[in-house]
Amino acid sequence: MIANSNQGPIYRLRTAPKDIGVVLILATALVLGWLLYQQTTSRTIAFTDAVSGVSLSYPATWIGVDSLQDVALKVQDPTADSAFKTSFVLETRPLDPASPPTLQTLLDRRVEERGQLTAYHFITEREATVDGARAIVSDYAYVVQPIDEPRRVALPVVVQAREYIVVATDSSYYFTLAAPEHEFADANRRFEELLRSVRLP
């Protein structure tokens, strides 16, 4: 019994430094991994539209994709955990400087256009600014079928979207974020950072 009582403290004393070393190595690896992740996700790519002159920076992890619509820029987050990938779209439209439409008029037109989307639902609107210019922001939701192929299992995805409409002297600008509902909060955080980088001509 005496020998056993003596071996216990000696065993713990000999292994304690090893345990502390493992913990320190693990903690260091976690910190370095977090720093690498932050560095990767914080990098951006600068973009300037050659036609309108509007410029912005979007996350470097997002990739450019083709669009069936006439847009200045469309990028997606390939890491989004959904068949529908988070996307950002920049559209520019010329205006007649003699009689430019109001922000509310442009929003009403947009709502009418978006009404063609499956299960479209308008949520809210509010005023804001982008690079010091007045803007109107709308939130809406709709449903998409990302993989529409026979015999392939793919559930519909609820998409939440936010759009900023800006009117300048001779152009209007549409900054649109669309993300799967469960990823919208994180996507919107990056969207707000993107909007802070916008420089209007």
N, C-alpha and C. Protein backbone atom coordinates (compact mmCIF):
# COMPACT_ATOMS: atom_id res chain seq x y z
N MET A 1 0.83 -1.21 0.00
CA MET A 1 0.00 0.00 0.00
C MET A 1 0.86 1.26 0.00
N ILE A 2 1.98 1.20 0.75
CA ILE A 2 2.87 2.38 0.79
C ILE A 2 3.49 2.63 -0.58
N ALA A 3 3.92 1.51 -1.25
CA ALA A 3 4.55 1.67 -2.57
C ALA A 3 3.57 2.30 -3.56
N ASN A 4 2.28 1.85 -3.51
CA ASN A 4 1.29 2.40 -4.43
C ASN A 4 1.05 3.88 -4.18
N SER A 5 1.02 4.25 -2.91
CA SER A 5 0.76 5.67 -2.60
C SER A 5 1.93 6.54 -3.03
N ASN A 6 3.14 5.99 -3.05
CA ASN A 6 4.30 6.76 -3.49
C ASN A 6 4.35 6.89 -5.01
N GLN A 7 3.88 5.84 -5.74
CA GLN A 7 3.96 5.86 -7.20
C GLN A 7 2.98 6.85 -7.83
N GLY A 8 1.84 7.05 -7.18
CA GLY A 8 0.85 7.97 -7.75
C GLY A 8 1.39 9.36 -7.97
N PRO A 9 1.89 10.05 -6.96
CA PRO A 9 2.42 11.41 -7.13
C PRO A 9 3.58 11.47 -8.11
N ILE A 10 4.46 10.43 -8.10
CA ILE A 10 5.61 10.43 -9.01
C ILE A 10 5.13 10.36 -10.45
N TYR A 11 4.11 9.53 -10.72
CA TYR A 11 3.57 9.39 -12.09
C TYR A 11 2.99 10.71 -12.57
N ARG A 12 2.20 11.33 -11.70
CA ARG A 12 1.59 12.60 -12.09
C ARG A 12 2.64 13.68 -12.30
N LEU A 13 3.69 13.68 -11.50
CA LEU A 13 4.75 14.68 -11.60
C LEU A 13 5.52 14.53 -12.91
N ARG A 14 5.75 13.28 -13.34
CA ARG A 14 6.51 13.03 -14.56
C ARG A 14 5.71 13.35 -15.81
N THR A 15 4.40 13.13 -15.80
CA THR A 15 3.59 13.35 -17.00
C THR A 15 3.05 14.77 -17.10
N ALA A 16 3.04 15.52 -16.01
CA ALA A 16 2.49 16.88 -16.05
C ALA A 16 3.18 17.77 -17.07
N PRO A 17 4.53 17.80 -17.15
CA PRO A 17 5.18 18.65 -18.17
C PRO A 17 4.80 18.26 -19.59
N LYS A 18 4.62 16.95 -19.85
CA LYS A 18 4.23 16.51 -21.19
C LYS A 18 2.83 17.01 -21.53
N ASP A 19 1.93 16.91 -20.55
CA ASP A 19 0.56 17.38 -20.77
C ASP A 19 0.53 18.87 -21.06
N ILE A 20 1.32 19.63 -20.32
CA ILE A 20 1.38 21.08 -20.54
C ILE A 20 1.93 21.38 -21.93
N GLY A 21 2.94 20.63 -22.36
CA GLY A 21 3.51 20.83 -23.69
C GLY A 21 2.51 20.56 -24.80
N VAL A 22 1.73 19.49 -24.64
CA VAL A 22 0.71 19.15 -25.65
C VAL A 22 -0.33 20.26 -25.72
N VAL A 23 -0.75 20.76 -24.56
CA VAL A 23 -1.75 21.83 -24.53
C VAL A 23 -1.21 23.09 -25.20
N LEU A 24 0.05 23.44 -24.92
CA LEU A 24 0.65 24.64 -25.52
C LEU A 24 0.76 24.50 -27.04
N ILE A 25 1.16 23.31 -27.52
CA ILE A 25 1.27 23.08 -28.97
C ILE A 25 -0.10 23.19 -29.62
N LEU A 26 -1.10 22.58 -28.98
CA LEU A 26 -2.46 22.62 -29.52
C LEU A 26 -2.99 24.06 -29.57
N ALA A 27 -2.75 24.81 -28.47
CA ALA A 27 -3.21 26.20 -28.42
C ALA A 27 -2.53 27.04 -29.49
N THR A 28 -1.22 26.82 -29.68
CA THR A 28 -0.48 27.56 -30.71
C THR A 28 -1.01 27.24 -32.11
N ALA A 29 -1.29 25.95 -32.36
CA ALA A 29 -1.83 25.56 -33.67
C ALA A 29 -3.19 26.19 -33.92
N LEU A 30 -4.03 26.24 -32.89
CA LEU A 30 -5.35 26.84 -33.03
C LEU A 30 -5.25 28.34 -33.32
N VAL A 31 -4.36 29.02 -32.62
CA VAL A 31 -4.19 30.46 -32.83
C VAL A 31 -3.67 30.74 -34.24
N LEU A 32 -2.67 29.96 -34.68
CA LEU A 32 -2.12 30.15 -36.02
C LEU A 32 -3.17 29.85 -37.09
N GLY A 33 -3.96 28.80 -36.86
CA GLY A 33 -5.03 28.48 -37.81
C GLY A 33 -6.06 29.59 -37.89
N TRP A 34 -6.41 30.17 -36.74
CA TRP A 34 -7.38 31.27 -36.71
C TRP A 34 -6.83 32.50 -37.43
N LEU A 35 -5.54 32.80 -37.20
CA LEU A 35 -4.92 33.95 -37.87
C LEU A 35 -4.88 33.75 -39.38
N LEU A 36 -4.56 32.52 -39.82
CA LEU A 36 -4.52 32.22 -41.25
C LEU A 36 -5.91 32.36 -41.86
N TYR A 37 -6.92 31.89 -41.13
CA TYR A 37 -8.30 32.00 -41.62
C TYR A 37 -8.70 33.47 -41.75
N GLN A 38 -8.38 34.27 -40.72
CA GLN A 38 -8.72 35.69 -40.76
C GLN A 38 -8.02 36.40 -41.91
N GLN A 39 -6.75 36.04 -42.14
CA GLN A 39 -5.99 36.67 -43.22
C GLN A 39 -6.59 36.31 -44.58
N THR A 40 -6.98 35.06 -44.72
CA THR A 40 -7.55 34.60 -45.99
C THR A 40 -8.89 35.24 -46.27
N THR A 41 -9.77 35.26 -45.25
CA THR A 41 -11.12 35.79 -45.46
C THR A 41 -11.15 37.30 -45.53
N SER A 42 -10.12 37.98 -45.03
CA SER A 42 -10.12 39.45 -45.06
C SER A 42 -9.52 40.01 -46.34
N ARG A 43 -8.85 39.17 -47.15
CA ARG A 43 -8.28 39.66 -48.41
C ARG A 43 -9.40 39.99 -49.40
N THR A 44 -9.17 41.00 -50.22
CA THR A 44 -10.19 41.43 -51.17
C THR A 44 -9.58 41.61 -52.56
N ILE A 45 -10.47 41.67 -53.54
CA ILE A 45 -10.10 41.94 -54.93
C ILE A 45 -10.76 43.24 -55.35
N ALA A 46 -9.96 44.16 -55.90
CA ALA A 46 -10.49 45.44 -56.35
C ALA A 46 -11.12 45.29 -57.74
N PHE A 47 -12.26 45.95 -57.92
CA PHE A 47 -12.95 45.90 -59.21
C PHE A 47 -13.41 47.31 -59.58
N THR A 48 -13.23 47.67 -60.85
CA THR A 48 -13.73 48.94 -61.38
C THR A 48 -14.47 48.66 -62.68
N ASP A 49 -15.70 49.11 -62.75
CA ASP A 49 -16.49 48.92 -63.96
C ASP A 49 -16.00 49.90 -65.02
N ALA A 50 -15.56 49.36 -66.15
CA ALA A 50 -14.99 50.19 -67.21
C ALA A 50 -16.00 51.14 -67.83
N VAL A 51 -17.28 50.79 -67.77
CA VAL A 51 -18.32 51.61 -68.39
C VAL A 51 -18.77 52.74 -67.48
N SER A 52 -19.18 52.40 -66.27
CA SER A 52 -19.73 53.41 -65.36
C SER A 52 -18.68 54.09 -64.49
N GLY A 53 -17.56 53.38 -64.22
CA GLY A 53 -16.52 53.94 -63.37
C GLY A 53 -16.69 53.64 -61.90
N VAL A 54 -17.79 52.97 -61.50
CA VAL A 54 -17.97 52.61 -60.10
C VAL A 54 -16.94 51.56 -59.71
N SER A 55 -16.39 51.67 -58.51
CA SER A 55 -15.38 50.72 -58.04
C SER A 55 -15.75 50.17 -56.67
N LEU A 56 -15.24 48.98 -56.36
CA LEU A 56 -15.50 48.34 -55.08
C LEU A 56 -14.50 47.22 -54.87
N SER A 57 -14.51 46.64 -53.68
CA SER A 57 -13.66 45.49 -53.38
C SER A 57 -14.53 44.38 -52.82
N TYR A 58 -14.36 43.16 -53.34
CA TYR A 58 -15.13 42.03 -52.86
C TYR A 58 -14.19 40.96 -52.31
N PRO A 59 -14.69 40.03 -51.48
CA PRO A 59 -13.83 39.01 -50.87
C PRO A 59 -13.04 38.21 -51.91
N ALA A 60 -11.76 38.00 -51.63
CA ALA A 60 -10.89 37.30 -52.57
C ALA A 60 -11.29 35.84 -52.75
N THR A 61 -12.04 35.29 -51.81
CA THR A 61 -12.46 33.89 -51.91
C THR A 61 -13.66 33.73 -52.84
N TRP A 62 -14.31 34.84 -53.20
CA TRP A 62 -15.44 34.76 -54.12
C TRP A 62 -14.93 34.72 -55.55
N ILE A 63 -15.68 34.06 -56.43
CA ILE A 63 -15.23 33.88 -57.82
C ILE A 63 -16.25 34.49 -58.78
N GLY A 64 -15.74 34.98 -59.90
CA GLY A 64 -16.61 35.54 -60.93
C GLY A 64 -17.36 34.45 -61.67
N VAL A 65 -18.63 34.72 -61.98
CA VAL A 65 -19.45 33.76 -62.71
C VAL A 65 -20.22 34.50 -63.80
N ASP A 66 -20.64 33.75 -64.81
CA ASP A 66 -21.43 34.33 -65.90
C ASP A 66 -22.86 34.59 -65.44
N SER A 67 -23.50 35.55 -66.06
CA SER A 67 -24.89 35.86 -65.76
C SER A 67 -25.67 35.97 -67.06
N LEU A 68 -26.92 35.50 -67.02
CA LEU A 68 -27.79 35.61 -68.18
C LEU A 68 -28.30 37.04 -68.36
N GLN A 69 -28.16 37.86 -67.31
CA GLN A 69 -28.59 39.24 -67.37
C GLN A 69 -27.41 40.15 -67.71
N ASP A 70 -27.73 41.38 -68.07
CA ASP A 70 -26.71 42.37 -68.40
C ASP A 70 -26.24 43.03 -67.11
N VAL A 71 -25.17 42.50 -66.52
CA VAL A 71 -24.68 43.02 -65.25
C VAL A 71 -23.21 43.42 -65.40
N ALA A 72 -22.76 44.34 -64.53
CA ALA A 72 -21.37 44.77 -64.56
C ALA A 72 -20.47 43.76 -63.86
N LEU A 73 -21.02 43.09 -62.83
CA LEU A 73 -20.22 42.13 -62.06
C LEU A 73 -21.15 41.14 -61.37
N LYS A 74 -20.76 39.86 -61.39
CA LYS A 74 -21.44 38.85 -60.59
C LYS A 74 -20.40 37.91 -60.02
N VAL A 75 -20.37 37.79 -58.70
CA VAL A 75 -19.43 36.89 -58.03
C VAL A 75 -20.19 36.01 -57.05
N GLN A 76 -19.63 34.83 -56.78
CA GLN A 76 -20.25 33.88 -55.87
C GLN A 76 -19.26 33.39 -54.84
N ASP A 77 -19.80 32.96 -53.69
CA ASP A 77 -19.00 32.32 -52.66
C ASP A 77 -19.07 30.81 -52.86
N PRO A 78 -18.03 30.19 -53.39
CA PRO A 78 -18.09 28.74 -53.69
C PRO A 78 -18.13 27.88 -52.43
N THR A 79 -17.83 28.46 -51.27
CA THR A 79 -17.81 27.67 -50.04
C THR A 79 -19.17 27.65 -49.34
N ALA A 80 -20.16 28.34 -49.88
CA ALA A 80 -21.48 28.36 -49.25
C ALA A 80 -22.02 26.94 -49.10
N ASP A 81 -22.56 26.64 -47.92
CA ASP A 81 -23.04 25.30 -47.62
C ASP A 81 -24.46 25.11 -48.15
N SER A 82 -24.57 25.13 -49.48
CA SER A 82 -25.88 24.99 -50.11
C SER A 82 -25.67 24.78 -51.61
N ALA A 83 -26.63 24.14 -52.26
CA ALA A 83 -26.57 24.02 -53.71
C ALA A 83 -26.68 25.39 -54.36
N PHE A 84 -27.41 26.31 -53.72
CA PHE A 84 -27.48 27.70 -54.17
C PHE A 84 -26.35 28.46 -53.48
N LYS A 85 -25.47 29.06 -54.25
CA LYS A 85 -24.31 29.75 -53.69
C LYS A 85 -24.61 31.24 -53.45
N THR A 86 -24.12 31.74 -52.34
CA THR A 86 -24.23 33.17 -52.04
C THR A 86 -23.65 33.97 -53.20
N SER A 87 -24.36 35.01 -53.63
CA SER A 87 -23.89 35.78 -54.78
C SER A 87 -24.06 37.27 -54.55
N PHE A 88 -23.19 38.03 -55.23
CA PHE A 88 -23.30 39.49 -55.25
C PHE A 88 -23.34 39.93 -56.70
N VAL A 89 -24.26 40.86 -57.00
CA VAL A 89 -24.41 41.36 -58.36
C VAL A 89 -24.39 42.88 -58.35
N LEU A 90 -23.64 43.45 -59.28
CA LEU A 90 -23.64 44.90 -59.50
C LEU A 90 -24.25 45.17 -60.87
N GLU A 91 -25.29 45.99 -60.88
CA GLU A 91 -25.92 46.40 -62.14
C GLU A 91 -25.88 47.92 -62.24
N THR A 92 -25.69 48.43 -63.44
CA THR A 92 -25.74 49.87 -63.68
C THR A 92 -26.71 50.14 -64.81
N ARG A 93 -27.47 51.20 -64.67
CA ARG A 93 -28.44 51.57 -65.70
C ARG A 93 -28.33 53.07 -65.98
N PRO A 94 -28.31 53.47 -67.27
CA PRO A 94 -28.27 54.91 -67.59
C PRO A 94 -29.60 55.58 -67.27
N LEU A 95 -29.53 56.86 -66.91
CA LEU A 95 -30.73 57.64 -66.61
C LEU A 95 -30.74 58.91 -67.45
N ASP A 96 -31.90 59.47 -67.60
CA ASP A 96 -32.04 60.75 -68.27
C ASP A 96 -31.81 61.86 -67.24
N PRO A 97 -30.69 62.59 -67.31
CA PRO A 97 -30.42 63.63 -66.30
C PRO A 97 -31.50 64.70 -66.23
N ALA A 98 -32.23 64.89 -67.31
CA ALA A 98 -33.28 65.92 -67.33
C ALA A 98 -34.46 65.53 -66.44
N SER A 99 -34.74 64.25 -66.33
CA SER A 99 -35.87 63.80 -65.49
C SER A 99 -35.56 62.46 -64.84
N PRO A 100 -34.61 62.44 -63.90
CA PRO A 100 -34.26 61.18 -63.25
C PRO A 100 -35.40 60.68 -62.36
N PRO A 101 -35.62 59.38 -62.32
CA PRO A 101 -36.68 58.84 -61.45
C PRO A 101 -36.27 58.91 -59.99
N THR A 102 -37.25 58.84 -59.11
CA THR A 102 -36.96 58.84 -57.68
C THR A 102 -36.54 57.43 -57.26
N LEU A 103 -35.95 57.34 -56.09
CA LEU A 103 -35.56 56.04 -55.56
C LEU A 103 -36.78 55.15 -55.36
N GLN A 104 -37.87 55.74 -54.90
CA GLN A 104 -39.08 54.95 -54.68
C GLN A 104 -39.62 54.39 -55.99
N THR A 105 -39.52 55.18 -57.05
CA THR A 105 -39.97 54.70 -58.37
C THR A 105 -39.14 53.51 -58.83
N LEU A 106 -37.82 53.61 -58.67
CA LEU A 106 -36.94 52.50 -59.06
C LEU A 106 -37.21 51.27 -58.22
N LEU A 107 -37.48 51.46 -56.93
CA LEU A 107 -37.78 50.32 -56.07
C LEU A 107 -39.09 49.66 -56.50
N ASP A 108 -40.11 50.47 -56.81
CA ASP A 108 -41.39 49.91 -57.25
C ASP A 108 -41.23 49.09 -58.53
N ARG A 109 -40.40 49.59 -59.44
CA ARG A 109 -40.15 48.83 -60.68
C ARG A 109 -39.46 47.51 -60.36
N ARG A 110 -38.53 47.58 -59.43
CA ARG A 110 -37.76 46.38 -59.05
C ARG A 110 -38.67 45.34 -58.39
N VAL A 111 -39.55 45.80 -57.54
CA VAL A 111 -40.49 44.88 -56.89
C VAL A 111 -41.37 44.19 -57.92
N GLU A 112 -41.79 44.94 -58.93
CA GLU A 112 -42.60 44.35 -60.00
C GLU A 112 -41.81 43.29 -60.76
N GLU A 113 -40.52 43.58 -61.02
CA GLU A 113 -39.67 42.61 -61.72
C GLU A 113 -39.48 41.36 -60.86
N ARG A 114 -39.16 41.56 -59.59
CA ARG A 114 -38.88 40.43 -58.69
C ARG A 114 -40.11 39.59 -58.44
N GLY A 115 -41.28 40.17 -58.68
CA GLY A 115 -42.51 39.43 -58.45
C GLY A 115 -42.64 38.19 -59.32
N GLN A 116 -41.80 38.09 -60.36
CA GLN A 116 -41.80 36.91 -61.22
C GLN A 116 -41.06 35.73 -60.59
N LEU A 117 -40.32 35.98 -59.53
CA LEU A 117 -39.58 34.90 -58.87
C LEU A 117 -40.54 33.97 -58.13
N THR A 118 -40.15 32.71 -58.00
CA THR A 118 -40.99 31.73 -57.30
C THR A 118 -41.12 32.08 -55.83
N ALA A 119 -42.35 32.14 -55.33
CA ALA A 119 -42.64 32.41 -53.92
C ALA A 119 -42.01 33.72 -53.44
N TYR A 120 -41.96 34.71 -54.33
CA TYR A 120 -41.39 36.01 -53.98
C TYR A 120 -42.17 36.62 -52.81
N HIS A 121 -41.42 37.17 -51.85
CA HIS A 121 -42.04 37.81 -50.69
C HIS A 121 -41.25 39.06 -50.32
N PHE A 122 -41.86 40.22 -50.45
CA PHE A 122 -41.22 41.48 -50.07
C PHE A 122 -41.24 41.59 -48.55
N ILE A 123 -40.10 41.95 -47.95
CA ILE A 123 -40.00 41.98 -46.49
C ILE A 123 -40.04 43.41 -45.95
N THR A 124 -39.11 44.26 -46.39
CA THR A 124 -39.06 45.61 -45.84
C THR A 124 -38.25 46.52 -46.74
N GLU A 125 -38.32 47.83 -46.45
CA GLU A 125 -37.51 48.82 -47.16
C GLU A 125 -37.10 49.91 -46.17
N ARG A 126 -35.99 50.58 -46.47
CA ARG A 126 -35.51 51.68 -45.64
C ARG A 126 -34.53 52.51 -46.44
N GLU A 127 -34.23 53.70 -45.94
CA GLU A 127 -33.26 54.57 -46.60
C GLU A 127 -31.87 54.33 -46.04
N ALA A 128 -30.85 54.60 -46.85
CA ALA A 128 -29.45 54.43 -46.43
C ALA A 128 -28.59 55.32 -47.32
N THR A 129 -27.28 55.18 -47.17
CA THR A 129 -26.34 55.89 -48.05
C THR A 129 -25.27 54.92 -48.51
N VAL A 130 -24.76 55.16 -49.72
CA VAL A 130 -23.63 54.41 -50.27
C VAL A 130 -22.65 55.43 -50.81
N ASP A 131 -21.46 55.48 -50.24
CA ASP A 131 -20.45 56.46 -50.62
C ASP A 131 -21.01 57.89 -50.58
N GLY A 132 -21.82 58.15 -49.57
CA GLY A 132 -22.38 59.48 -49.38
C GLY A 132 -23.62 59.78 -50.19
N ALA A 133 -23.99 58.90 -51.11
CA ALA A 133 -25.18 59.11 -51.95
C ALA A 133 -26.39 58.42 -51.32
N ARG A 134 -27.56 59.05 -51.50
CA ARG A 134 -28.79 58.47 -50.97
C ARG A 134 -29.10 57.14 -51.66
N ALA A 135 -29.60 56.22 -50.87
CA ALA A 135 -29.95 54.90 -51.40
C ALA A 135 -31.21 54.41 -50.71
N ILE A 136 -31.87 53.46 -51.35
CA ILE A 136 -33.00 52.79 -50.73
C ILE A 136 -32.68 51.30 -50.69
N VAL A 137 -32.95 50.68 -49.54
CA VAL A 137 -32.60 49.28 -49.33
C VAL A 137 -33.87 48.46 -49.21
N SER A 138 -33.92 47.36 -49.90
CA SER A 138 -35.07 46.45 -49.79
C SER A 138 -34.60 45.05 -49.44
N ASP A 139 -35.38 44.39 -48.62
CA ASP A 139 -35.15 42.99 -48.27
C ASP A 139 -36.30 42.16 -48.82
N TYR A 140 -35.98 41.01 -49.38
CA TYR A 140 -37.02 40.13 -49.90
C TYR A 140 -36.53 38.69 -49.87
N ALA A 141 -37.43 37.77 -50.13
CA ALA A 141 -37.08 36.35 -50.14
C ALA A 141 -37.80 35.66 -51.30
N TYR A 142 -37.24 34.54 -51.73
CA TYR A 142 -37.86 33.75 -52.78
C TYR A 142 -37.31 32.32 -52.70
N VAL A 143 -37.78 31.47 -53.57
CA VAL A 143 -37.38 30.06 -53.56
C VAL A 143 -36.78 29.69 -54.91
N VAL A 144 -35.68 28.94 -54.88
CA VAL A 144 -35.06 28.48 -56.12
C VAL A 144 -34.87 26.96 -56.08
N GLN A 145 -34.77 26.38 -57.26
CA GLN A 145 -34.44 24.97 -57.41
C GLN A 145 -33.07 24.92 -58.07
N PRO A 146 -31.98 24.91 -57.28
CA PRO A 146 -30.62 25.02 -57.85
C PRO A 146 -30.26 23.93 -58.84
N ILE A 147 -30.70 22.71 -58.57
CA ILE A 147 -30.38 21.59 -59.46
C ILE A 147 -31.69 21.08 -60.05
N ASP A 148 -31.99 21.52 -61.24
CA ASP A 148 -33.26 21.17 -61.86
C ASP A 148 -33.02 20.16 -62.98
N GLU A 149 -32.66 18.94 -62.59
CA GLU A 149 -32.39 17.87 -63.54
C GLU A 149 -33.20 16.64 -63.18
N PRO A 150 -33.69 15.91 -64.17
CA PRO A 150 -34.47 14.70 -63.88
C PRO A 150 -33.68 13.69 -63.06
N ARG A 151 -34.36 13.08 -62.11
CA ARG A 151 -33.81 11.98 -61.29
C ARG A 151 -32.65 12.42 -60.38
N ARG A 152 -32.52 13.72 -60.15
CA ARG A 152 -31.51 14.18 -59.19
C ARG A 152 -32.21 14.79 -58.00
N VAL A 153 -31.87 14.30 -56.82
CA VAL A 153 -32.51 14.78 -55.60
C VAL A 153 -31.93 16.14 -55.23
N ALA A 154 -32.78 17.15 -55.16
CA ALA A 154 -32.33 18.49 -54.77
C ALA A 154 -33.53 19.27 -54.23
N LEU A 155 -33.52 19.52 -52.94
CA LEU A 155 -34.62 20.24 -52.34
C LEU A 155 -34.56 21.72 -52.73
N PRO A 156 -35.71 22.38 -52.82
CA PRO A 156 -35.70 23.83 -53.07
C PRO A 156 -34.99 24.57 -51.94
N VAL A 157 -34.43 25.72 -52.27
CA VAL A 157 -33.69 26.52 -51.29
C VAL A 157 -34.39 27.86 -51.10
N VAL A 158 -34.60 28.24 -49.85
CA VAL A 158 -35.14 29.56 -49.54
C VAL A 158 -34.00 30.56 -49.58
N VAL A 159 -34.12 31.57 -50.42
CA VAL A 159 -33.08 32.58 -50.60
C VAL A 159 -33.52 33.89 -49.98
N GLN A 160 -32.65 34.49 -49.20
CA GLN A 160 -32.90 35.82 -48.64
C GLN A 160 -32.01 36.82 -49.37
N ALA A 161 -32.56 37.95 -49.77
CA ALA A 161 -31.81 38.91 -50.57
C ALA A 161 -31.93 40.32 -49.99
N ARG A 162 -30.90 41.11 -50.25
CA ARG A 162 -30.89 42.53 -49.85
C ARG A 162 -30.33 43.32 -51.01
N GLU A 163 -31.01 44.42 -51.37
CA GLU A 163 -30.59 45.21 -52.52
C GLU A 163 -30.54 46.70 -52.17
N TYR A 164 -29.44 47.33 -52.54
CA TYR A 164 -29.28 48.78 -52.41
C TYR A 164 -29.43 49.39 -53.80
N ILE A 165 -30.30 50.39 -53.90
CA ILE A 165 -30.46 51.12 -55.16
C ILE A 165 -29.99 52.55 -54.94
N VAL A 166 -29.09 53.01 -55.82
CA VAL A 166 -28.52 54.35 -55.72
C VAL A 166 -28.78 55.09 -57.02
N VAL A 167 -29.16 56.36 -56.90
CA VAL A 167 -29.36 57.19 -58.08
C VAL A 167 -28.29 58.28 -58.10
N ALA A 168 -27.52 58.33 -59.19
CA ALA A 168 -26.53 59.39 -59.38
C ALA A 168 -27.05 60.34 -60.47
N THR A 169 -26.18 61.20 -60.98
CA THR A 169 -26.61 62.21 -61.95
C THR A 169 -27.19 61.60 -63.21
N ASP A 170 -26.48 60.64 -63.79
CA ASP A 170 -26.93 60.06 -65.05
C ASP A 170 -27.00 58.54 -65.04
N SER A 171 -26.90 57.94 -63.84
CA SER A 171 -26.93 56.48 -63.75
C SER A 171 -27.59 56.04 -62.44
N SER A 172 -28.11 54.82 -62.48
CA SER A 172 -28.58 54.18 -61.25
C SER A 172 -27.75 52.92 -61.03
N TYR A 173 -27.54 52.58 -59.76
CA TYR A 173 -26.71 51.44 -59.41
C TYR A 173 -27.50 50.51 -58.50
N TYR A 174 -27.36 49.21 -58.77
CA TYR A 174 -28.04 48.20 -57.98
C TYR A 174 -26.99 47.25 -57.40
N PHE A 175 -26.91 47.21 -56.08
CA PHE A 175 -25.98 46.32 -55.38
C PHE A 175 -26.83 45.25 -54.69
N THR A 176 -26.72 44.00 -55.15
CA THR A 176 -27.64 42.96 -54.68
C THR A 176 -26.91 41.77 -54.09
N LEU A 177 -27.30 41.39 -52.88
CA LEU A 177 -26.80 40.19 -52.23
C LEU A 177 -27.93 39.17 -52.16
N ALA A 178 -27.64 37.92 -52.52
CA ALA A 178 -28.60 36.83 -52.39
C ALA A 178 -27.88 35.64 -51.75
N ALA A 179 -28.47 35.11 -50.68
CA ALA A 179 -27.81 34.02 -49.95
C ALA A 179 -28.84 33.04 -49.43
N PRO A 180 -28.44 31.76 -49.25
CA PRO A 180 -29.35 30.82 -48.60
C PRO A 180 -29.74 31.38 -47.23
N GLU A 181 -30.97 31.17 -46.85
CA GLU A 181 -31.50 31.78 -45.62
C GLU A 181 -30.60 31.55 -44.42
N HIS A 182 -30.07 30.34 -44.26
CA HIS A 182 -29.28 30.02 -43.07
C HIS A 182 -27.89 30.65 -43.10
N GLU A 183 -27.47 31.20 -44.24
CA GLU A 183 -26.15 31.82 -44.33
C GLU A 183 -26.22 33.34 -44.53
N PHE A 184 -27.44 33.89 -44.48
CA PHE A 184 -27.61 35.30 -44.82
C PHE A 184 -26.89 36.22 -43.83
N ALA A 185 -26.93 35.93 -42.56
CA ALA A 185 -26.33 36.83 -41.55
C ALA A 185 -24.84 37.01 -41.81
N ASP A 186 -24.12 35.91 -42.04
CA ASP A 186 -22.68 36.01 -42.30
C ASP A 186 -22.42 36.65 -43.65
N ALA A 187 -23.20 36.30 -44.65
CA ALA A 187 -23.02 36.89 -45.98
C ALA A 187 -23.28 38.39 -45.95
N ASN A 188 -24.27 38.83 -45.17
CA ASN A 188 -24.59 40.26 -45.11
C ASN A 188 -23.47 41.04 -44.44
N ARG A 189 -22.77 40.41 -43.48
CA ARG A 189 -21.63 41.09 -42.85
C ARG A 189 -20.57 41.42 -43.89
N ARG A 190 -20.28 40.48 -44.78
CA ARG A 190 -19.30 40.73 -45.84
C ARG A 190 -19.85 41.71 -46.88
N PHE A 191 -21.16 41.66 -47.09
CA PHE A 191 -21.81 42.59 -48.02
C PHE A 191 -21.67 44.03 -47.53
N GLU A 192 -21.85 44.23 -46.23
CA GLU A 192 -21.71 45.58 -45.66
C GLU A 192 -20.27 46.08 -45.80
N GLU A 193 -19.30 45.18 -45.63
CA GLU A 193 -17.91 45.57 -45.83
C GLU A 193 -17.67 45.95 -47.30
N LEU A 194 -18.26 45.21 -48.20
CA LEU A 194 -18.14 45.52 -49.63
C LEU A 194 -18.72 46.90 -49.94
N LEU A 195 -19.89 47.19 -49.37
CA LEU A 195 -20.54 48.47 -49.63
C LEU A 195 -19.72 49.64 -49.11
N ARG A 196 -19.00 49.43 -48.01
CA ARG A 196 -18.15 50.51 -47.48
C ARG A 196 -16.97 50.80 -48.41
N SER A 197 -16.64 49.86 -49.29
CA SER A 197 -15.53 50.06 -50.22
C SER A 197 -15.99 50.72 -51.53
N VAL A 198 -17.29 50.87 -51.73
CA VAL A 198 -17.82 51.39 -52.99
C VAL A 198 -17.41 52.86 -53.18
N ARG A 199 -16.96 53.17 -54.39
CA ARG A 199 -16.66 54.55 -54.76
C ARG A 199 -17.43 54.84 -56.05
N LEU A 200 -18.37 55.78 -55.96
CA LEU A 200 -19.16 56.14 -57.13
C LEU A 200 -18.41 57.18 -57.97
N PRO A 201 -18.62 57.17 -59.27
CA PRO A 201 -17.90 58.14 -60.14
C PRO A 201 -18.41 59.56 -59.93
